[in-house]
Amino acid sequence: MRISQDFAADMRWLVKDEEWDDDARELARNCLKKDPGFFTHFFETYIAAKRKGYRMFDGPHYMKLSEFCAENGLPDPYQGDTVAAQWDAQYKGEGK
């Protein structure tokens, strides 16, 4: 899969910002290969949210990515995918 230079630079920034290890980088590469449309959109939105101040854990509090995006004029990171949106709920302790 070919990605733009801008997206590659954004992903390098994310890897550095979150201090991803080799396993995390490989997981991201595999996700992008498996479903490039979904995961390119997800990572682009996630990176934009982080640059606007999103942090998954703000102290002891969990911040839902989808809510942060809605409140800050960013697109739905999950593109209406209810399974992916459940990730947010699960980390917050709302889902099983």
PDB file of N, CA and C in Angstrom:
ATOM      1  N   MET A   1       0.834  -1.172   0.000  1.00  0.00           N
ATOM      2  CA  MET A   1       0.000   0.000   0.000  1.00  0.00           C
ATOM      3  C   MET A   1       0.886   1.246   0.000  1.00  0.00           C
ATOM      4  N   ARG A   2       0.571   2.170  -0.861  1.00  0.00           N
ATOM      5  CA  ARG A   2       1.312   3.425  -0.915  1.00  0.00           C
ATOM      6  C   ARG A   2       0.565   4.475  -0.107  1.00  0.00           C
ATOM      7  N   ILE A   3       1.325   5.249   0.649  1.00  0.00           N
ATOM      8  CA  ILE A   3       0.727   6.336   1.422  1.00  0.00           C
ATOM      9  C   ILE A   3       1.409   7.643   1.029  1.00  0.00           C
ATOM     10  N   SER A   4       0.728   8.748   1.270  1.00  0.00           N
ATOM     11  CA  SER A   4       1.295  10.041   0.913  1.00  0.00           C
ATOM     12  C   SER A   4       2.457  10.390   1.841  1.00  0.00           C
ATOM     13  N   GLN A   5       3.298  11.289   1.376  1.00  0.00           N
ATOM     14  CA  GLN A   5       4.410  11.735   2.198  1.00  0.00           C
ATOM     15  C   GLN A   5       3.908  12.441   3.448  1.00  0.00           C
ATOM     16  N   ASP A   6       2.808  13.187   3.309  1.00  0.00           N
ATOM     17  CA  ASP A   6       2.245  13.885   4.473  1.00  0.00           C
ATOM     18  C   ASP A   6       1.751  12.892   5.523  1.00  0.00           C
ATOM     19  N   PHE A   7       1.056  11.850   5.054  1.00  0.00           N
ATOM     20  CA  PHE A   7       0.557  10.845   5.993  1.00  0.00           C
ATOM     21  C   PHE A   7       1.721  10.104   6.645  1.00  0.00           C
ATOM     22  N   ALA A   8       2.748   9.790   5.882  1.00  0.00           N
ATOM     23  CA  ALA A   8       3.930   9.116   6.443  1.00  0.00           C
ATOM     24  C   ALA A   8       4.578  10.000   7.518  1.00  0.00           C
ATOM     25  N   ALA A   9       4.684  11.294   7.255  1.00  0.00           N
ATOM     26  CA  ALA A   9       5.261  12.214   8.239  1.00  0.00           C
ATOM     27  C   ALA A   9       4.388  12.286   9.483  1.00  0.00           C
ATOM     28  N   ASP A  10       3.067  12.314   9.297  1.00  0.00           N
ATOM     29  CA  ASP A  10       2.148  12.335  10.441  1.00  0.00           C
ATOM     30  C   ASP A  10       2.285  11.062  11.272  1.00  0.00           C
ATOM     31  N   MET A  11       2.412   9.929  10.603  1.00  0.00           N
ATOM     32  CA  MET A  11       2.562   8.669  11.329  1.00  0.00           C
ATOM     33  C   MET A  11       3.892   8.624  12.087  1.00  0.00           C
ATOM     34  N   ARG A  12       4.951   9.149  11.493  1.00  0.00           N
ATOM     35  CA  ARG A  12       6.235   9.207  12.211  1.00  0.00           C
ATOM     36  C   ARG A  12       6.094  10.081  13.458  1.00  0.00           C
ATOM     37  N   TRP A  13       5.367  11.188  13.337  1.00  0.00           N
ATOM     38  CA  TRP A  13       5.131  12.059  14.489  1.00  0.00           C
ATOM     39  C   TRP A  13       4.371  11.287  15.578  1.00  0.00           C
ATOM     40  N   LEU A  14       3.335  10.544  15.183  1.00  0.00           N
ATOM     41  CA  LEU A  14       2.527   9.786  16.142  1.00  0.00           C
ATOM     42  C   LEU A  14       3.368   8.724  16.842  1.00  0.00           C
ATOM     43  N   VAL A  15       4.163   7.994  16.071  1.00  0.00           N
ATOM     44  CA  VAL A  15       5.032   6.959  16.639  1.00  0.00           C
ATOM     45  C   VAL A  15       5.963   7.567  17.687  1.00  0.00           C
ATOM     46  N   LYS A  16       6.524   8.704  17.368  1.00  0.00           N
ATOM     47  CA  LYS A  16       7.440   9.365  18.304  1.00  0.00           C
ATOM     48  C   LYS A  16       6.682   9.915  19.512  1.00  0.00           C
ATOM     49  N   ASP A  17       5.539  10.567  19.265  1.00  0.00           N
ATOM     50  CA  ASP A  17       4.758  11.169  20.346  1.00  0.00           C
ATOM     51  C   ASP A  17       4.300  10.128  21.357  1.00  0.00           C
ATOM     52  N   GLU A  18       3.876   8.975  20.855  1.00  0.00           N
ATOM     53  CA  GLU A  18       3.352   7.932  21.738  1.00  0.00           C
ATOM     54  C   GLU A  18       4.395   6.889  22.114  1.00  0.00           C
ATOM     55  N   GLU A  19       5.608   7.072  21.613  1.00  0.00           N
ATOM     56  CA  GLU A  19       6.717   6.168  21.935  1.00  0.00           C
ATOM     57  C   GLU A  19       6.363   4.711  21.652  1.00  0.00           C
ATOM     58  N   TRP A  20       5.850   4.465  20.429  1.00  0.00           N
ATOM     59  CA  TRP A  20       5.472   3.114  20.039  1.00  0.00           C
ATOM     60  C   TRP A  20       6.695   2.224  19.948  1.00  0.00           C
ATOM     61  N   ASP A  21       6.525   0.991  20.394  1.00  0.00           N
ATOM     62  CA  ASP A  21       7.590   0.004  20.226  1.00  0.00           C
ATOM     63  C   ASP A  21       7.411  -0.689  18.868  1.00  0.00           C
ATOM     64  N   ASP A  22       8.287  -1.627  18.579  1.00  0.00           N
ATOM     65  CA  ASP A  22       8.233  -2.318  17.288  1.00  0.00           C
ATOM     66  C   ASP A  22       6.908  -3.037  17.076  1.00  0.00           C
ATOM     67  N   ASP A  23       6.358  -3.634  18.132  1.00  0.00           N
ATOM     68  CA  ASP A  23       5.088  -4.355  18.005  1.00  0.00           C
ATOM     69  C   ASP A  23       3.943  -3.405  17.641  1.00  0.00           C
ATOM     70  N   ALA A  24       3.909  -2.235  18.254  1.00  0.00           N
ATOM     71  CA  ALA A  24       2.857  -1.264  17.962  1.00  0.00           C
ATOM     72  C   ALA A  24       2.975  -0.752  16.524  1.00  0.00           C
ATOM     73  N   ARG A  25       4.196  -0.499  16.069  1.00  0.00           N
ATOM     74  CA  ARG A  25       4.399  -0.050  14.691  1.00  0.00           C
ATOM     75  C   ARG A  25       3.966  -1.132  13.700  1.00  0.00           C
ATOM     76  N   GLU A  26       4.296  -2.379  14.002  1.00  0.00           N
ATOM     77  CA  GLU A  26       3.906  -3.482  13.123  1.00  0.00           C
ATOM     78  C   GLU A  26       2.387  -3.647  13.093  1.00  0.00           C
ATOM     79  N   LEU A  27       1.744  -3.504  14.236  1.00  0.00           N
ATOM     80  CA  LEU A  27       0.282  -3.584  14.293  1.00  0.00           C
ATOM     81  C   LEU A  27      -0.344  -2.496  13.418  1.00  0.00           C
ATOM     82  N   ALA A  28       0.154  -1.279  13.516  1.00  0.00           N
ATOM     83  CA  ALA A  28      -0.379  -0.185  12.697  1.00  0.00           C
ATOM     84  C   ALA A  28      -0.180  -0.479  11.211  1.00  0.00           C
ATOM     85  N   ARG A  29       1.002  -0.953  10.823  1.00  0.00           N
ATOM     86  CA  ARG A  29       1.262  -1.306   9.419  1.00  0.00           C
ATOM     87  C   ARG A  29       0.285  -2.377   8.939  1.00  0.00           C
ATOM     88  N   ASN A  30       0.072  -3.402   9.767  1.00  0.00           N
ATOM     89  CA  ASN A  30      -0.845  -4.479   9.377  1.00  0.00           C
ATOM     90  C   ASN A  30      -2.275  -3.985   9.245  1.00  0.00           C
ATOM     91  N   CYS A  31      -2.696  -3.116  10.153  1.00  0.00           N
ATOM     92  CA  CYS A  31      -4.045  -2.547  10.068  1.00  0.00           C
ATOM     93  C   CYS A  31      -4.205  -1.746   8.777  1.00  0.00           C
ATOM     94  N   LEU A  32      -3.209  -0.943   8.458  1.00  0.00           N
ATOM     95  CA  LEU A  32      -3.265  -0.134   7.235  1.00  0.00           C
ATOM     96  C   LEU A  32      -3.280  -1.008   5.983  1.00  0.00           C
ATOM     97  N   LYS A  33      -2.597  -2.134   6.016  1.00  0.00           N
ATOM     98  CA  LYS A  33      -2.612  -3.048   4.871  1.00  0.00           C
ATOM     99  C   LYS A  33      -3.952  -3.754   4.746  1.00  0.00           C
ATOM    100  N   LYS A  34      -4.513  -4.154   5.891  1.00  0.00           N
ATOM    101  CA  LYS A  34      -5.755  -4.922   5.891  1.00  0.00           C
ATOM    102  C   LYS A  34      -6.948  -4.080   5.456  1.00  0.00           C
ATOM    103  N   ASP A  35      -7.038  -2.850   5.942  1.00  0.00           N
ATOM    104  CA  ASP A  35      -8.169  -1.977   5.628  1.00  0.00           C
ATOM    105  C   ASP A  35      -7.663  -0.544   5.502  1.00  0.00           C
ATOM    106  N   PRO A  36      -7.004  -0.226   4.384  1.00  0.00           N
ATOM    107  CA  PRO A  36      -6.373   1.081   4.257  1.00  0.00           C
ATOM    108  C   PRO A  36      -7.339   2.262   4.350  1.00  0.00           C
ATOM    109  N   GLY A  37      -8.518   2.129   3.805  1.00  0.00           N
ATOM    110  CA  GLY A  37      -9.479   3.238   3.860  1.00  0.00           C
ATOM    111  C   GLY A  37      -9.869   3.580   5.286  1.00  0.00           C
ATOM    112  N   PHE A  38     -10.265   2.557   6.029  1.00  0.00           N
ATOM    113  CA  PHE A  38     -10.703   2.777   7.409  1.00  0.00           C
ATOM    114  C   PHE A  38      -9.561   3.307   8.274  1.00  0.00           C
ATOM    115  N   PHE A  39      -8.409   2.635   8.220  1.00  0.00           N
ATOM    116  CA  PHE A  39      -7.338   2.990   9.144  1.00  0.00           C
ATOM    117  C   PHE A  39      -6.591   4.264   8.752  1.00  0.00           C
ATOM    118  N   THR A  40      -6.539   4.592   7.463  1.00  0.00           N
ATOM    119  CA  THR A  40      -5.963   5.880   7.090  1.00  0.00           C
ATOM    120  C   THR A  40      -6.825   6.996   7.668  1.00  0.00           C
ATOM    121  N   HIS A  41      -8.144   6.883   7.498  1.00  0.00           N
ATOM    122  CA  HIS A  41      -9.054   7.879   8.066  1.00  0.00           C
ATOM    123  C   HIS A  41      -8.921   7.923   9.597  1.00  0.00           C
ATOM    124  N   PHE A  42      -8.906   6.754  10.224  1.00  0.00           N
ATOM    125  CA  PHE A  42      -8.800   6.705  11.682  1.00  0.00           C
ATOM    126  C   PHE A  42      -7.535   7.398  12.156  1.00  0.00           C
ATOM    127  N   PHE A  43      -6.375   7.033  11.597  1.00  0.00           N
ATOM    128  CA  PHE A  43      -5.123   7.626  12.061  1.00  0.00           C
ATOM    129  C   PHE A  43      -5.051   9.114  11.745  1.00  0.00           C
ATOM    130  N   GLU A  44      -5.542   9.539  10.569  1.00  0.00           N
ATOM    131  CA  GLU A  44      -5.550  10.967  10.259  1.00  0.00           C
ATOM    132  C   GLU A  44      -6.382  11.741  11.276  1.00  0.00           C
ATOM    133  N   THR A  45      -7.543  11.191  11.625  1.00  0.00           N
ATOM    134  CA  THR A  45      -8.412  11.849  12.597  1.00  0.00           C
ATOM    135  C   THR A  45      -7.798  11.818  13.985  1.00  0.00           C
ATOM    136  N   TYR A  46      -7.230  10.689  14.372  1.00  0.00           N
ATOM    137  CA  TYR A  46      -6.589  10.547  15.680  1.00  0.00           C
ATOM    138  C   TYR A  46      -5.429  11.536  15.828  1.00  0.00           C
ATOM    139  N   ILE A  47      -4.625  11.665  14.790  1.00  0.00           N
ATOM    140  CA  ILE A  47      -3.492  12.597  14.815  1.00  0.00           C
ATOM    141  C   ILE A  47      -4.001  14.033  14.923  1.00  0.00           C
ATOM    142  N   ALA A  48      -5.033  14.377  14.152  1.00  0.00           N
ATOM    143  CA  ALA A  48      -5.607  15.731  14.231  1.00  0.00           C
ATOM    144  C   ALA A  48      -6.147  16.008  15.632  1.00  0.00           C
ATOM    145  N   ALA A  49      -6.788  15.005  16.227  1.00  0.00           N
ATOM    146  CA  ALA A  49      -7.319  15.167  17.587  1.00  0.00           C
ATOM    147  C   ALA A  49      -6.188  15.369  18.594  1.00  0.00           C
ATOM    148  N   LYS A  50      -5.146  14.584  18.481  1.00  0.00           N
ATOM    149  CA  LYS A  50      -4.004  14.737  19.393  1.00  0.00           C
ATOM    150  C   LYS A  50      -3.390  16.127  19.265  1.00  0.00           C
ATOM    151  N   ARG A  51      -3.321  16.632  18.068  1.00  0.00           N
ATOM    152  CA  ARG A  51      -2.752  17.968  17.852  1.00  0.00           C
ATOM    153  C   ARG A  51      -3.661  19.069  18.382  1.00  0.00           C
ATOM    154  N   LYS A  52      -4.952  18.738  18.579  1.00  0.00           N
ATOM    155  CA  LYS A  52      -5.891  19.696  19.176  1.00  0.00           C
ATOM    156  C   LYS A  52      -6.000  19.500  20.687  1.00  0.00           C
ATOM    157  N   GLY A  53      -5.220  18.576  21.240  1.00  0.00           N
ATOM    158  CA  GLY A  53      -5.203  18.401  22.684  1.00  0.00           C
ATOM    159  C   GLY A  53      -5.788  17.112  23.222  1.00  0.00           C
ATOM    160  N   TYR A  54      -6.251  16.224  22.345  1.00  0.00           N
ATOM    161  CA  TYR A  54      -6.818  14.961  22.822  1.00  0.00           C
ATOM    162  C   TYR A  54      -5.751  14.110  23.500  1.00  0.00           C
ATOM    163  N   ARG A  55      -6.112  13.588  24.648  1.00  0.00           N
ATOM    164  CA  ARG A  55      -5.297  12.594  25.345  1.00  0.00           C
ATOM    165  C   ARG A  55      -6.250  11.512  25.824  1.00  0.00           C
ATOM    166  N   MET A  56      -5.927  10.267  25.522  1.00  0.00           N
ATOM    167  CA  MET A  56      -6.811   9.166  25.900  1.00  0.00           C
ATOM    168  C   MET A  56      -7.097   9.192  27.392  1.00  0.00           C
ATOM    169  N   PHE A  57      -6.056   9.369  28.156  1.00  0.00           N
ATOM    170  CA  PHE A  57      -6.225   9.455  29.608  1.00  0.00           C
ATOM    171  C   PHE A  57      -5.760  10.831  30.041  1.00  0.00           C
ATOM    172  N   ASP A  58      -6.691  11.616  30.544  1.00  0.00           N
ATOM    173  CA  ASP A  58      -6.393  12.944  31.051  1.00  0.00           C
ATOM    174  C   ASP A  58      -6.374  12.819  32.564  1.00  0.00           C
ATOM    175  N   GLY A  59      -5.203  12.525  33.115  1.00  0.00           N
ATOM    176  CA  GLY A  59      -5.128  12.194  34.532  1.00  0.00           C
ATOM    177  C   GLY A  59      -5.837  10.868  34.733  1.00  0.00           C
ATOM    178  N   PRO A  60      -6.739  10.800  35.701  1.00  0.00           N
ATOM    179  CA  PRO A  60      -7.444   9.548  35.960  1.00  0.00           C
ATOM    180  C   PRO A  60      -8.672   9.346  35.059  1.00  0.00           C
ATOM    181  N   HIS A  61      -8.950  10.306  34.201  1.00  0.00           N
ATOM    182  CA  HIS A  61     -10.176  10.275  33.402  1.00  0.00           C
ATOM    183  C   HIS A  61      -9.905   9.809  31.982  1.00  0.00           C
ATOM    184  N   TYR A  62     -10.808   8.971  31.472  1.00  0.00           N
ATOM    185  CA  TYR A  62     -10.725   8.513  30.097  1.00  0.00           C
ATOM    186  C   TYR A  62     -11.517   9.471  29.221  1.00  0.00           C
ATOM    187  N   MET A  63     -10.934   9.876  28.107  1.00  0.00           N
ATOM    188  CA  MET A  63     -11.586  10.778  27.173  1.00  0.00           C
ATOM    189  C   MET A  63     -11.914   9.987  25.903  1.00  0.00           C
ATOM    190  N   LYS A  64     -13.185   9.913  25.559  1.00  0.00           N
ATOM    191  CA  LYS A  64     -13.597   9.189  24.359  1.00  0.00           C
ATOM    192  C   LYS A  64     -13.182   9.965  23.115  1.00  0.00           C
ATOM    193  N   LEU A  65     -12.476   9.296  22.221  1.00  0.00           N
ATOM    194  CA  LEU A  65     -12.011   9.929  20.993  1.00  0.00           C
ATOM    195  C   LEU A  65     -13.184  10.450  20.171  1.00  0.00           C
ATOM    196  N   SER A  66     -14.221   9.660  20.034  1.00  0.00           N
ATOM    197  CA  SER A  66     -15.361  10.079  19.207  1.00  0.00           C
ATOM    198  C   SER A  66     -16.026  11.329  19.766  1.00  0.00           C
ATOM    199  N   GLU A  67     -16.140  11.442  21.081  1.00  0.00           N
ATOM    200  CA  GLU A  67     -16.738  12.634  21.689  1.00  0.00           C
ATOM    201  C   GLU A  67     -15.831  13.843  21.516  1.00  0.00           C
ATOM    202  N   PHE A  68     -14.523  13.656  21.716  1.00  0.00           N
ATOM    203  CA  PHE A  68     -13.583  14.757  21.539  1.00  0.00           C
ATOM    204  C   PHE A  68     -13.663  15.279  20.108  1.00  0.00           C
ATOM    205  N   CYS A  69     -13.702  14.375  19.144  1.00  0.00           N
ATOM    206  CA  CYS A  69     -13.767  14.782  17.745  1.00  0.00           C
ATOM    207  C   CYS A  69     -15.048  15.567  17.461  1.00  0.00           C
ATOM    208  N   ALA A  70     -16.173  15.078  17.948  1.00  0.00           N
ATOM    209  CA  ALA A  70     -17.444  15.771  17.729  1.00  0.00           C
ATOM    210  C   ALA A  70     -17.424  17.171  18.343  1.00  0.00           C
ATOM    211  N   GLU A  71     -16.854  17.291  19.520  1.00  0.00           N
ATOM    212  CA  GLU A  71     -16.804  18.574  20.208  1.00  0.00           C
ATOM    213  C   GLU A  71     -15.821  19.551  19.570  1.00  0.00           C
ATOM    214  N   ASN A  72     -14.890  19.034  18.785  1.00  0.00           N
ATOM    215  CA  ASN A  72     -13.841  19.878  18.217  1.00  0.00           C
ATOM    216  C   ASN A  72     -13.879  19.965  16.694  1.00  0.00           C
ATOM    217  N   GLY A  73     -15.021  19.622  16.103  1.00  0.00           N
ATOM    218  CA  GLY A  73     -15.207  19.784  14.671  1.00  0.00           C
ATOM    219  C   GLY A  73     -14.412  18.834  13.799  1.00  0.00           C
ATOM    220  N   LEU A  74     -14.053  17.691  14.345  1.00  0.00           N
ATOM    221  CA  LEU A  74     -13.325  16.679  13.578  1.00  0.00           C
ATOM    222  C   LEU A  74     -14.291  15.583  13.145  1.00  0.00           C
ATOM    223  N   PRO A  75     -13.969  14.877  12.067  1.00  0.00           N
ATOM    224  CA  PRO A  75     -14.862  13.811  11.606  1.00  0.00           C
ATOM    225  C   PRO A  75     -14.904  12.642  12.588  1.00  0.00           C
ATOM    226  N   ASP A  76     -15.928  11.822  12.423  1.00  0.00           N
ATOM    227  CA  ASP A  76     -16.063  10.611  13.222  1.00  0.00           C
ATOM    228  C   ASP A  76     -14.874   9.697  12.912  1.00  0.00           C
ATOM    229  N   PRO A  77     -14.034   9.399  13.906  1.00  0.00           N
ATOM    230  CA  PRO A  77     -12.865   8.575  13.630  1.00  0.00           C
ATOM    231  C   PRO A  77     -13.218   7.154  13.204  1.00  0.00           C
ATOM    232  N   TYR A  78     -14.404   6.706  13.589  1.00  0.00           N
ATOM    233  CA  TYR A  78     -14.809   5.327  13.319  1.00  0.00           C
ATOM    234  C   TYR A  78     -15.728   5.208  12.113  1.00  0.00           C
ATOM    235  N   GLN A  79     -16.065   6.320  11.479  1.00  0.00           N
ATOM    236  CA  GLN A  79     -16.887   6.328  10.271  1.00  0.00           C
ATOM    237  C   GLN A  79     -18.183   5.556  10.456  1.00  0.00           C
ATOM    238  N   GLY A  80     -18.770   5.652  11.629  1.00  0.00           N
ATOM    239  CA  GLY A  80     -20.028   4.965  11.882  1.00  0.00           C
ATOM    240  C   GLY A  80     -19.903   3.483  12.150  1.00  0.00           C
ATOM    241  N   ASP A  81     -18.696   2.966  12.246  1.00  0.00           N
ATOM    242  CA  ASP A  81     -18.472   1.542  12.511  1.00  0.00           C
ATOM    243  C   ASP A  81     -18.749   1.291  13.997  1.00  0.00           C
ATOM    244  N   THR A  82     -19.849   0.632  14.287  1.00  0.00           N
ATOM    245  CA  THR A  82     -20.240   0.452  15.682  1.00  0.00           C
ATOM    246  C   THR A  82     -19.273  -0.427  16.456  1.00  0.00           C
ATOM    247  N   VAL A  83     -18.632  -1.377  15.797  1.00  0.00           N
ATOM    248  CA  VAL A  83     -17.665  -2.229  16.490  1.00  0.00           C
ATOM    249  C   VAL A  83     -16.479  -1.377  16.942  1.00  0.00           C
ATOM    250  N   ALA A  84     -15.971  -0.542  16.048  1.00  0.00           N
ATOM    251  CA  ALA A  84     -14.841   0.316  16.405  1.00  0.00           C
ATOM    252  C   ALA A  84     -15.242   1.312  17.488  1.00  0.00           C
ATOM    253  N   ALA A  85     -16.430   1.860  17.414  1.00  0.00           N
ATOM    254  CA  ALA A  85     -16.889   2.810  18.421  1.00  0.00           C
ATOM    255  C   ALA A  85     -16.986   2.143  19.792  1.00  0.00           C
ATOM    256  N   GLN A  86     -17.209   0.835  19.803  1.00  0.00           N
ATOM    257  CA  GLN A  86     -17.273   0.118  21.073  1.00  0.00           C
ATOM    258  C   GLN A  86     -15.918   0.118  21.778  1.00  0.00           C
ATOM    259  N   TRP A  87     -14.823   0.296  21.033  1.00  0.00           N
ATOM    260  CA  TRP A  87     -13.506   0.370  21.663  1.00  0.00           C
ATOM    261  C   TRP A  87     -13.487   1.503  22.672  1.00  0.00           C
ATOM    262  N   ASP A  88     -14.030   2.659  22.278  1.00  0.00           N
ATOM    263  CA  ASP A  88     -14.098   3.793  23.183  1.00  0.00           C
ATOM    264  C   ASP A  88     -14.867   3.420  24.450  1.00  0.00           C
ATOM    265  N   ALA A  89     -16.039   2.844  24.267  1.00  0.00           N
ATOM    266  CA  ALA A  89     -16.875   2.493  25.408  1.00  0.00           C
ATOM    267  C   ALA A  89     -16.197   1.456  26.289  1.00  0.00           C
ATOM    268  N   GLN A  90     -15.529   0.500  25.677  1.00  0.00           N
ATOM    269  CA  GLN A  90     -14.879  -0.557  26.441  1.00  0.00           C
ATOM    270  C   GLN A  90     -13.759   0.017  27.314  1.00  0.00           C
ATOM    271  N   TYR A  91     -12.946   0.904  26.748  1.00  0.00           N
ATOM    272  CA  TYR A  91     -11.863   1.492  27.534  1.00  0.00           C
ATOM    273  C   TYR A  91     -12.407   2.367  28.659  1.00  0.00           C
ATOM    274  N   LYS A  92     -13.566   2.965  28.437  1.00  0.00           N
ATOM    275  CA  LYS A  92     -14.163   3.806  29.464  1.00  0.00           C
ATOM    276  C   LYS A  92     -14.904   2.955  30.493  1.00  0.00           C
ATOM    277  N   GLY A  93     -15.057   1.680  30.209  1.00  0.00           N
ATOM    278  CA  GLY A  93     -15.749   0.795  31.141  1.00  0.00           C
ATOM    279  C   GLY A  93     -17.236   0.722  30.914  1.00  0.00           C
ATOM    280  N   GLU A  94     -17.691   1.215  29.748  1.00  0.00           N
ATOM    281  CA  GLU A  94     -19.133   1.199  29.471  1.00  0.00           C
ATOM    282  C   GLU A  94     -19.563  -0.037  28.709  1.00  0.00           C
ATOM    283  N   GLY A  95     -18.642  -0.715  28.059  1.00  0.00           N
ATOM    284  CA  GLY A  95     -19.018  -1.865  27.224  1.00  0.00           C
ATOM    285  C   GLY A  95     -18.301  -3.122  27.678  1.00  0.00           C
ATOM    286  N   LYS A  96     -18.714  -4.192  27.128  1.00  0.00           N
ATOM    287  CA  LYS A  96     -18.093  -5.483  27.433  1.00  0.00           C
ATOM    288  C   LYS A  96     -17.515  -6.072  26.190  1.00  0.00           C
TER     289      LYS A  96
END
